[in-house]
Amino acid sequence: MKLMIASDIHGSSYYCAKLLELFEKERAEKLFLLGDLLYHGARNPLPRDYSTLKTAELLNGVKEHILCIKGNCDSEVDTLVLQFPVEADFAYFTAEGRNAIAAHGHKTPAYLDQNDLLFNGHFHVPAFENRENCTYVNCGSVSIPKEESPHSCIVIEDGVLFWKDVTTGKTFMTQSLKK
């Protein structure tokens, strides 16, 4: 299954539309959102074309493809405008035969095995790091990237991670999940 993973849209209808254009172009089966969908948060600047209702409308248009977990800027009131669940702190799936845990990044699962993949957003910086207790993967931020990184997401296909710039669709980093 081809999967797209993205995080930290923060209410930018402009970058949300770019993400969804890339999702359609990539023909991914699912869009896994790692939180912070509608609100920008107290420490972030307003992203381009900030519109929580327009962003919700765009996401609701592809709700049948969305899997989602909750970020630190997501609130209970978001469920009033989003037509898909946003309440879970973690989600578990498999990628290349490995256990994968999706978490926004402000909370970490208590137990991680060295072979586990931990997918995060939250920090707004794309990353792939082999750590002592897991392999850490960050998809970056769709709307408010940090440390001069591009507006980004990840596509997983055939055991390879492709970090994509959501504004151009170009791959800027790749990593195999095969051990």
N, C-alpha and C. Protein backbone atom coordinates (compact mmCIF):
# COMPACT_ATOMS: atom_id res chain seq x y z
N MET A 1 0.83 -1.18 0.00
CA MET A 1 0.00 0.00 0.00
C MET A 1 0.88 1.25 0.00
N LYS A 2 0.56 2.18 -0.84
CA LYS A 2 1.25 3.46 -0.89
C LYS A 2 0.58 4.40 0.12
N LEU A 3 1.40 4.96 0.99
CA LEU A 3 0.90 5.77 2.11
C LEU A 3 1.60 7.12 2.10
N MET A 4 0.84 8.18 2.33
CA MET A 4 1.41 9.50 2.52
C MET A 4 1.25 9.88 3.98
N ILE A 5 2.32 10.42 4.59
CA ILE A 5 2.29 10.85 5.99
C ILE A 5 2.63 12.34 6.03
N ALA A 6 1.79 13.09 6.73
CA ALA A 6 1.99 14.54 6.82
C ALA A 6 1.59 15.02 8.21
N SER A 7 2.11 16.19 8.57
CA SER A 7 1.81 16.75 9.89
C SER A 7 1.86 18.27 9.82
N ASP A 8 1.26 18.88 10.81
CA ASP A 8 1.41 20.32 11.05
C ASP A 8 0.95 21.18 9.88
N ILE A 9 -0.32 21.00 9.51
CA ILE A 9 -0.95 21.86 8.50
C ILE A 9 -1.26 23.23 9.12
N HIS A 10 -1.61 23.24 10.38
CA HIS A 10 -1.83 24.46 11.17
C HIS A 10 -2.78 25.46 10.50
N GLY A 11 -3.84 24.96 9.89
CA GLY A 11 -4.88 25.83 9.36
C GLY A 11 -4.55 26.56 8.07
N SER A 12 -3.48 26.17 7.40
CA SER A 12 -3.13 26.82 6.14
C SER A 12 -3.89 26.16 5.00
N SER A 13 -4.91 26.86 4.49
CA SER A 13 -5.67 26.29 3.37
C SER A 13 -4.80 26.20 2.11
N TYR A 14 -3.84 27.11 1.97
CA TYR A 14 -2.94 27.09 0.81
C TYR A 14 -2.09 25.81 0.81
N TYR A 15 -1.40 25.55 1.92
CA TYR A 15 -0.52 24.38 1.96
C TYR A 15 -1.31 23.07 2.07
N CYS A 16 -2.49 23.14 2.65
CA CYS A 16 -3.35 21.95 2.67
C CYS A 16 -3.75 21.58 1.24
N ALA A 17 -4.11 22.57 0.45
CA ALA A 17 -4.46 22.31 -0.95
C ALA A 17 -3.28 21.74 -1.72
N LYS A 18 -2.08 22.26 -1.46
CA LYS A 18 -0.87 21.74 -2.10
C LYS A 18 -0.64 20.27 -1.71
N LEU A 19 -0.83 19.98 -0.41
CA LEU A 19 -0.68 18.60 0.07
C LEU A 19 -1.67 17.67 -0.64
N LEU A 20 -2.91 18.10 -0.74
CA LEU A 20 -3.93 17.25 -1.37
C LEU A 20 -3.69 17.09 -2.87
N GLU A 21 -3.16 18.11 -3.53
CA GLU A 21 -2.78 17.97 -4.94
C GLU A 21 -1.69 16.91 -5.09
N LEU A 22 -0.71 16.94 -4.19
CA LEU A 22 0.37 15.95 -4.23
C LEU A 22 -0.16 14.56 -3.90
N PHE A 23 -1.07 14.47 -2.94
CA PHE A 23 -1.69 13.20 -2.58
C PHE A 23 -2.36 12.58 -3.82
N GLU A 24 -3.09 13.39 -4.55
CA GLU A 24 -3.77 12.91 -5.76
C GLU A 24 -2.75 12.51 -6.83
N LYS A 25 -1.74 13.34 -7.02
CA LYS A 25 -0.71 13.05 -8.03
C LYS A 25 0.04 11.76 -7.70
N GLU A 26 0.35 11.54 -6.43
CA GLU A 26 1.08 10.35 -6.00
C GLU A 26 0.21 9.09 -6.02
N ARG A 27 -1.10 9.28 -6.03
CA ARG A 27 -2.06 8.16 -6.00
C ARG A 27 -1.85 7.26 -4.79
N ALA A 28 -1.58 7.89 -3.66
CA ALA A 28 -1.47 7.14 -2.41
C ALA A 28 -2.86 6.66 -2.00
N GLU A 29 -2.90 5.54 -1.29
CA GLU A 29 -4.18 5.00 -0.87
C GLU A 29 -4.71 5.67 0.39
N LYS A 30 -3.79 6.04 1.28
CA LYS A 30 -4.19 6.67 2.54
C LYS A 30 -3.31 7.88 2.81
N LEU A 31 -3.91 8.85 3.49
CA LEU A 31 -3.20 10.04 3.96
C LEU A 31 -3.24 9.99 5.49
N PHE A 32 -2.09 9.75 6.09
CA PHE A 32 -1.97 9.63 7.54
C PHE A 32 -1.52 10.98 8.08
N LEU A 33 -2.40 11.65 8.81
CA LEU A 33 -2.10 12.97 9.37
C LEU A 33 -1.68 12.83 10.83
N LEU A 34 -0.52 13.41 11.16
CA LEU A 34 0.04 13.27 12.50
C LEU A 34 -0.24 14.49 13.38
N GLY A 35 -1.38 15.11 13.19
CA GLY A 35 -1.82 16.15 14.11
C GLY A 35 -1.51 17.58 13.71
N ASP A 36 -2.03 18.49 14.54
CA ASP A 36 -1.95 19.93 14.35
C ASP A 36 -2.53 20.34 12.99
N LEU A 37 -3.81 20.04 12.85
CA LEU A 37 -4.49 20.25 11.57
C LEU A 37 -4.98 21.68 11.37
N LEU A 38 -5.67 22.25 12.38
CA LEU A 38 -6.38 23.50 12.14
C LEU A 38 -5.76 24.73 12.79
N TYR A 39 -5.21 24.61 13.97
CA TYR A 39 -4.75 25.81 14.68
C TYR A 39 -3.23 25.96 14.61
N HIS A 40 -2.78 27.20 14.63
CA HIS A 40 -1.35 27.48 14.44
C HIS A 40 -0.55 27.41 15.73
N GLY A 41 -1.18 27.49 16.89
CA GLY A 41 -0.46 27.42 18.16
C GLY A 41 0.11 28.77 18.56
N ALA A 42 0.33 28.93 19.82
CA ALA A 42 0.76 30.22 20.37
C ALA A 42 2.17 30.62 19.98
N ARG A 43 3.04 29.65 19.68
CA ARG A 43 4.44 29.97 19.38
C ARG A 43 4.75 30.01 17.89
N ASN A 44 3.76 29.72 17.06
CA ASN A 44 3.98 29.71 15.62
C ASN A 44 3.37 30.95 14.97
N PRO A 45 3.97 31.44 13.89
CA PRO A 45 3.35 32.54 13.15
C PRO A 45 2.12 32.02 12.40
N LEU A 46 1.25 32.92 11.99
CA LEU A 46 0.13 32.51 11.16
C LEU A 46 0.67 32.02 9.82
N PRO A 47 0.27 30.83 9.39
CA PRO A 47 0.75 30.34 8.09
C PRO A 47 0.00 31.02 6.95
N ARG A 48 0.51 30.85 5.75
CA ARG A 48 -0.10 31.42 4.55
C ARG A 48 -1.56 30.97 4.42
N ASP A 49 -2.44 31.88 4.10
CA ASP A 49 -3.88 31.62 3.89
C ASP A 49 -4.49 30.85 5.06
N TYR A 50 -4.28 31.38 6.26
CA TYR A 50 -4.80 30.76 7.48
C TYR A 50 -6.32 30.81 7.47
N SER A 51 -6.95 29.66 7.40
CA SER A 51 -8.40 29.55 7.42
C SER A 51 -8.76 28.15 7.92
N THR A 52 -9.12 28.08 9.17
CA THR A 52 -9.42 26.78 9.76
C THR A 52 -10.62 26.12 9.08
N LEU A 53 -11.63 26.91 8.74
CA LEU A 53 -12.82 26.32 8.11
C LEU A 53 -12.53 25.85 6.68
N LYS A 54 -11.76 26.60 5.93
CA LYS A 54 -11.41 26.18 4.57
C LYS A 54 -10.52 24.93 4.62
N THR A 55 -9.59 24.90 5.57
CA THR A 55 -8.72 23.73 5.73
C THR A 55 -9.57 22.51 6.09
N ALA A 56 -10.51 22.67 7.00
CA ALA A 56 -11.41 21.56 7.36
C ALA A 56 -12.21 21.09 6.16
N GLU A 57 -12.70 22.03 5.37
CA GLU A 57 -13.48 21.69 4.17
C GLU A 57 -12.63 20.87 3.19
N LEU A 58 -11.39 21.29 2.99
CA LEU A 58 -10.49 20.55 2.09
C LEU A 58 -10.24 19.13 2.60
N LEU A 59 -9.93 19.00 3.89
CA LEU A 59 -9.68 17.68 4.46
C LEU A 59 -10.93 16.81 4.44
N ASN A 60 -12.07 17.38 4.75
CA ASN A 60 -13.32 16.61 4.73
C ASN A 60 -13.62 16.09 3.32
N GLY A 61 -13.12 16.77 2.31
CA GLY A 61 -13.32 16.33 0.93
C GLY A 61 -12.63 15.02 0.59
N VAL A 62 -11.65 14.62 1.41
CA VAL A 62 -10.94 13.35 1.20
C VAL A 62 -11.00 12.47 2.45
N LYS A 63 -12.01 12.67 3.26
CA LYS A 63 -12.10 12.00 4.56
C LYS A 63 -12.01 10.49 4.47
N GLU A 64 -12.46 9.90 3.38
CA GLU A 64 -12.42 8.44 3.25
C GLU A 64 -10.99 7.92 3.12
N HIS A 65 -10.04 8.79 2.84
CA HIS A 65 -8.64 8.40 2.70
C HIS A 65 -7.80 8.74 3.93
N ILE A 66 -8.39 9.45 4.90
CA ILE A 66 -7.60 9.98 6.02
C ILE A 66 -7.59 9.05 7.23
N LEU A 67 -6.39 8.87 7.76
CA LEU A 67 -6.15 8.31 9.09
C LEU A 67 -5.53 9.46 9.87
N CYS A 68 -5.87 9.60 11.15
CA CYS A 68 -5.41 10.80 11.84
C CYS A 68 -5.19 10.54 13.32
N ILE A 69 -4.17 11.19 13.86
CA ILE A 69 -3.96 11.23 15.30
C ILE A 69 -3.96 12.69 15.75
N LYS A 70 -4.04 12.86 17.04
CA LYS A 70 -4.17 14.19 17.65
C LYS A 70 -2.81 14.82 17.91
N GLY A 71 -2.71 16.12 17.60
CA GLY A 71 -1.52 16.89 17.92
C GLY A 71 -1.76 17.79 19.11
N ASN A 72 -0.75 18.46 19.57
CA ASN A 72 -0.89 19.33 20.74
C ASN A 72 -1.73 20.57 20.46
N CYS A 73 -1.92 20.95 19.20
CA CYS A 73 -2.77 22.10 18.87
C CYS A 73 -4.19 21.68 18.48
N ASP A 74 -4.48 20.40 18.44
CA ASP A 74 -5.83 19.93 18.11
C ASP A 74 -6.67 19.89 19.38
N SER A 75 -7.91 20.34 19.26
CA SER A 75 -8.78 20.37 20.43
C SER A 75 -10.09 19.64 20.14
N GLU A 76 -10.84 19.43 21.18
CA GLU A 76 -12.12 18.74 21.07
C GLU A 76 -13.07 19.45 20.12
N VAL A 77 -12.99 20.76 20.07
CA VAL A 77 -13.88 21.53 19.20
C VAL A 77 -13.60 21.25 17.71
N ASP A 78 -12.41 20.78 17.39
CA ASP A 78 -12.09 20.43 16.00
C ASP A 78 -13.02 19.34 15.47
N THR A 79 -13.47 18.47 16.35
CA THR A 79 -14.34 17.37 15.92
C THR A 79 -15.70 17.89 15.43
N LEU A 80 -16.01 19.15 15.72
CA LEU A 80 -17.27 19.73 15.25
C LEU A 80 -17.21 20.09 13.76
N VAL A 81 -16.00 20.31 13.22
CA VAL A 81 -15.87 20.68 11.81
C VAL A 81 -15.17 19.62 10.97
N LEU A 82 -14.48 18.68 11.61
CA LEU A 82 -13.82 17.60 10.88
C LEU A 82 -14.69 16.37 10.87
N GLN A 83 -14.80 15.72 9.74
CA GLN A 83 -15.69 14.58 9.58
C GLN A 83 -14.95 13.24 9.64
N PHE A 84 -13.85 13.21 10.39
CA PHE A 84 -13.08 11.99 10.60
C PHE A 84 -12.49 12.07 12.01
N PRO A 85 -12.18 10.94 12.63
CA PRO A 85 -11.68 10.95 14.02
C PRO A 85 -10.31 11.61 14.15
N VAL A 86 -10.15 12.35 15.25
CA VAL A 86 -8.90 13.06 15.54
C VAL A 86 -8.48 12.86 17.00
N GLU A 87 -9.06 11.93 17.72
CA GLU A 87 -8.86 11.85 19.17
C GLU A 87 -7.69 10.99 19.63
N ALA A 88 -7.19 10.07 18.84
CA ALA A 88 -6.15 9.13 19.29
C ALA A 88 -4.79 9.81 19.42
N ASP A 89 -4.07 9.48 20.50
CA ASP A 89 -2.72 10.00 20.68
C ASP A 89 -1.68 9.22 19.88
N PHE A 90 -1.95 7.93 19.63
CA PHE A 90 -1.01 7.06 18.93
C PHE A 90 -1.76 6.16 17.97
N ALA A 91 -1.06 5.69 16.96
CA ALA A 91 -1.61 4.68 16.06
C ALA A 91 -0.48 3.71 15.74
N TYR A 92 -0.84 2.47 15.52
CA TYR A 92 0.13 1.42 15.25
C TYR A 92 -0.17 0.80 13.90
N PHE A 93 0.88 0.56 13.11
CA PHE A 93 0.74 -0.10 11.83
C PHE A 93 2.05 -0.82 11.53
N THR A 94 2.15 -1.49 10.39
CA THR A 94 3.40 -2.13 10.01
C THR A 94 3.92 -1.52 8.72
N ALA A 95 5.22 -1.44 8.61
CA ALA A 95 5.88 -0.94 7.41
C ALA A 95 7.12 -1.80 7.19
N GLU A 96 7.16 -2.48 6.06
CA GLU A 96 8.28 -3.38 5.75
C GLU A 96 8.48 -4.42 6.83
N GLY A 97 7.39 -4.94 7.38
CA GLY A 97 7.47 -5.97 8.41
C GLY A 97 7.90 -5.46 9.78
N ARG A 98 8.02 -4.16 9.92
CA ARG A 98 8.43 -3.57 11.20
C ARG A 98 7.24 -2.90 11.86
N ASN A 99 7.22 -2.92 13.18
CA ASN A 99 6.19 -2.20 13.91
C ASN A 99 6.43 -0.70 13.73
N ALA A 100 5.38 0.01 13.42
CA ALA A 100 5.46 1.46 13.25
C ALA A 100 4.46 2.11 14.19
N ILE A 101 4.92 3.14 14.87
CA ILE A 101 4.09 3.89 15.80
C ILE A 101 4.02 5.31 15.28
N ALA A 102 2.81 5.82 15.14
CA ALA A 102 2.61 7.21 14.73
C ALA A 102 2.19 7.99 15.96
N ALA A 103 2.89 9.08 16.22
CA ALA A 103 2.58 9.96 17.34
C ALA A 103 2.89 11.38 16.88
N HIS A 104 2.18 12.35 17.39
CA HIS A 104 2.46 13.72 16.95
C HIS A 104 3.89 14.11 17.29
N GLY A 105 4.32 13.80 18.50
CA GLY A 105 5.69 14.11 18.90
C GLY A 105 5.77 14.78 20.26
N HIS A 106 4.66 15.32 20.72
CA HIS A 106 4.66 15.94 22.05
C HIS A 106 4.45 14.89 23.14
N LYS A 107 4.01 13.72 22.75
CA LYS A 107 3.88 12.56 23.63
C LYS A 107 4.57 11.39 22.94
N THR A 108 5.26 10.56 23.71
CA THR A 108 5.95 9.41 23.15
C THR A 108 5.44 8.14 23.80
N PRO A 109 5.21 7.09 23.02
CA PRO A 109 4.79 5.82 23.63
C PRO A 109 5.81 5.35 24.67
N ALA A 110 5.32 4.71 25.72
CA ALA A 110 6.18 4.30 26.84
C ALA A 110 7.24 3.28 26.42
N TYR A 111 6.87 2.36 25.56
CA TYR A 111 7.81 1.30 25.20
C TYR A 111 8.06 1.30 23.70
N LEU A 112 9.31 1.38 23.34
CA LEU A 112 9.71 1.27 21.94
C LEU A 112 10.82 0.23 21.84
N ASP A 113 10.73 -0.62 20.84
CA ASP A 113 11.74 -1.63 20.59
C ASP A 113 12.73 -1.09 19.56
N GLN A 114 13.95 -1.56 19.62
CA GLN A 114 15.01 -1.08 18.72
C GLN A 114 14.62 -1.23 17.24
N ASN A 115 13.79 -2.20 16.92
CA ASN A 115 13.37 -2.43 15.54
C ASN A 115 12.16 -1.57 15.14
N ASP A 116 11.54 -0.87 16.11
CA ASP A 116 10.34 -0.08 15.84
C ASP A 116 10.67 1.19 15.07
N LEU A 117 9.68 1.62 14.29
CA LEU A 117 9.74 2.90 13.60
C LEU A 117 8.83 3.87 14.35
N LEU A 118 9.32 5.03 14.70
CA LEU A 118 8.50 6.05 15.36
C LEU A 118 8.35 7.22 14.40
N PHE A 119 7.12 7.44 13.92
CA PHE A 119 6.82 8.54 13.01
C PHE A 119 6.27 9.72 13.80
N ASN A 120 6.86 10.89 13.63
CA ASN A 120 6.45 12.12 14.32
C ASN A 120 6.32 13.28 13.35
N GLY A 121 5.63 14.29 13.82
CA GLY A 121 5.63 15.63 13.23
C GLY A 121 6.16 16.53 14.33
N HIS A 122 5.37 17.50 14.75
CA HIS A 122 5.59 18.37 15.92
C HIS A 122 6.81 19.27 15.85
N PHE A 123 7.96 18.75 15.49
CA PHE A 123 9.19 19.53 15.51
C PHE A 123 9.43 20.30 14.20
N HIS A 124 8.65 19.97 13.16
CA HIS A 124 8.66 20.69 11.89
C HIS A 124 9.98 20.56 11.12
N VAL A 125 10.75 19.52 11.40
CA VAL A 125 12.03 19.31 10.73
C VAL A 125 12.11 17.86 10.24
N PRO A 126 12.25 17.63 8.94
CA PRO A 126 12.38 16.26 8.42
C PRO A 126 13.60 15.56 9.02
N ALA A 127 13.43 14.28 9.36
CA ALA A 127 14.55 13.55 9.97
C ALA A 127 14.38 12.05 9.80
N PHE A 128 15.52 11.35 9.81
CA PHE A 128 15.58 9.89 9.89
C PHE A 128 16.81 9.58 10.73
N GLU A 129 16.60 9.01 11.91
CA GLU A 129 17.70 8.73 12.84
C GLU A 129 17.55 7.36 13.46
N ASN A 130 18.61 6.57 13.42
CA ASN A 130 18.63 5.31 14.16
C ASN A 130 19.02 5.65 15.60
N ARG A 131 18.07 5.47 16.50
CA ARG A 131 18.30 5.77 17.90
C ARG A 131 18.44 4.47 18.69
N GLU A 132 18.81 4.60 19.94
CA GLU A 132 19.02 3.43 20.80
C GLU A 132 17.75 2.59 20.93
N ASN A 133 16.58 3.24 21.02
CA ASN A 133 15.34 2.50 21.28
C ASN A 133 14.39 2.43 20.09
N CYS A 134 14.74 3.00 18.93
CA CYS A 134 13.85 2.96 17.76
C CYS A 134 14.53 3.65 16.58
N THR A 135 13.87 3.60 15.45
CA THR A 135 14.26 4.43 14.31
C THR A 135 13.26 5.58 14.26
N TYR A 136 13.77 6.80 14.39
CA TYR A 136 12.95 8.00 14.45
C TYR A 136 12.80 8.60 13.05
N VAL A 137 11.54 8.86 12.68
CA VAL A 137 11.24 9.44 11.38
C VAL A 137 10.35 10.66 11.58
N ASN A 138 10.75 11.80 11.04
CA ASN A 138 9.91 12.99 11.12
C ASN A 138 9.61 13.45 9.70
N CYS A 139 8.33 13.69 9.45
CA CYS A 139 7.89 14.09 8.11
C CYS A 139 8.05 15.59 7.86
N GLY A 140 8.43 16.34 8.88
CA GLY A 140 8.53 17.79 8.73
C GLY A 140 7.16 18.43 8.89
N SER A 141 6.99 19.62 8.35
CA SER A 141 5.74 20.37 8.47
C SER A 141 5.21 20.75 7.10
N VAL A 142 3.91 20.59 6.92
CA VAL A 142 3.28 21.00 5.68
C VAL A 142 3.31 22.52 5.54
N SER A 143 3.02 23.27 6.62
CA SER A 143 2.85 24.72 6.48
C SER A 143 3.87 25.61 7.18
N ILE A 144 4.51 25.14 8.24
CA ILE A 144 5.44 25.99 8.99
C ILE A 144 6.75 25.23 9.22
N PRO A 145 7.52 24.97 8.14
CA PRO A 145 8.77 24.24 8.32
C PRO A 145 9.79 25.06 9.10
N LYS A 146 10.67 24.35 9.77
CA LYS A 146 11.71 25.02 10.56
C LYS A 146 13.09 24.58 10.07
N GLU A 147 14.11 25.31 10.52
CA GLU A 147 15.51 25.04 10.18
C GLU A 147 15.73 24.99 8.67
N GLU A 148 15.07 25.90 7.96
CA GLU A 148 15.22 26.06 6.51
C GLU A 148 14.85 24.80 5.73
N SER A 149 14.01 23.95 6.30
CA SER A 149 13.55 22.76 5.58
C SER A 149 12.35 23.14 4.69
N PRO A 150 12.07 22.34 3.67
CA PRO A 150 10.92 22.63 2.81
C PRO A 150 9.60 22.27 3.47
N HIS A 151 8.52 22.77 2.90
CA HIS A 151 7.17 22.36 3.29
C HIS A 151 7.06 20.90 2.86
N SER A 152 6.87 19.98 3.82
CA SER A 152 7.11 18.58 3.46
C SER A 152 6.10 17.58 3.98
N CYS A 153 6.20 16.40 3.39
CA CYS A 153 5.46 15.20 3.79
C CYS A 153 6.32 14.01 3.37
N ILE A 154 5.86 12.81 3.72
CA ILE A 154 6.55 11.57 3.34
C ILE A 154 5.59 10.70 2.54
N VAL A 155 6.12 10.05 1.53
CA VAL A 155 5.42 8.99 0.82
C VAL A 155 6.18 7.70 1.09
N ILE A 156 5.46 6.66 1.50
CA ILE A 156 6.06 5.34 1.68
C ILE A 156 5.58 4.45 0.55
N GLU A 157 6.54 3.92 -0.20
CA GLU A 157 6.22 3.01 -1.29
C GLU A 157 7.32 1.99 -1.45
N ASP A 158 6.93 0.71 -1.50
CA ASP A 158 7.87 -0.39 -1.71
C ASP A 158 9.04 -0.36 -0.72
N GLY A 159 8.74 -0.05 0.54
CA GLY A 159 9.77 -0.08 1.57
C GLY A 159 10.73 1.09 1.58
N VAL A 160 10.39 2.14 0.85
CA VAL A 160 11.25 3.33 0.80
C VAL A 160 10.45 4.55 1.24
N LEU A 161 11.10 5.40 2.05
CA LEU A 161 10.53 6.68 2.45
C LEU A 161 11.01 7.75 1.48
N PHE A 162 10.09 8.53 0.96
CA PHE A 162 10.41 9.65 0.08
C PHE A 162 9.89 10.92 0.74
N TRP A 163 10.80 11.81 1.15
CA TRP A 163 10.38 13.11 1.67
C TRP A 163 10.13 14.00 0.46
N LYS A 164 8.93 14.57 0.41
CA LYS A 164 8.52 15.38 -0.74
C LYS A 164 8.28 16.82 -0.31
N ASP A 165 8.65 17.74 -1.17
CA ASP A 165 8.30 19.15 -1.01
C ASP A 165 6.87 19.30 -1.50
N VAL A 166 5.94 19.71 -0.64
CA VAL A 166 4.53 19.77 -1.05
C VAL A 166 4.28 20.88 -2.07
N THR A 167 5.17 21.86 -2.19
CA THR A 167 4.96 22.94 -3.16
C THR A 167 5.41 22.56 -4.56
N THR A 168 6.39 21.67 -4.67
CA THR A 168 6.91 21.29 -5.99
C THR A 168 6.67 19.82 -6.34
N GLY A 169 6.43 19.00 -5.31
CA GLY A 169 6.28 17.56 -5.53
C GLY A 169 7.60 16.83 -5.66
N LYS A 170 8.70 17.57 -5.59
CA LYS A 170 10.02 16.95 -5.77
C LYS A 170 10.49 16.26 -4.50
N THR A 171 11.16 15.13 -4.68
CA THR A 171 11.76 14.39 -3.58
C THR A 171 13.07 15.07 -3.18
N PHE A 172 13.23 15.32 -1.88
CA PHE A 172 14.49 15.94 -1.43
C PHE A 172 15.30 15.03 -0.50
N MET A 173 14.72 13.87 -0.13
CA MET A 173 15.44 12.93 0.74
C MET A 173 14.76 11.57 0.58
N THR A 174 15.54 10.49 0.63
CA THR A 174 14.99 9.13 0.60
C THR A 174 15.71 8.28 1.62
N GLN A 175 15.02 7.22 2.07
CA GLN A 175 15.61 6.29 3.02
C GLN A 175 14.89 4.95 2.90
N SER A 176 15.62 3.88 2.81
CA SER A 176 15.04 2.54 2.79
C SER A 176 14.69 2.10 4.20
N LEU A 177 13.56 1.42 4.33
CA LEU A 177 13.16 0.87 5.63
C LEU A 177 13.69 -0.55 5.82
N LYS A 178 14.25 -1.13 4.78
CA LYS A 178 14.75 -2.50 4.87
C LYS A 178 15.99 -2.54 5.74
N LYS A 179 16.05 -3.53 6.59
CA LYS A 179 17.21 -3.69 7.50
C LYS A 179 18.27 -4.53 6.84
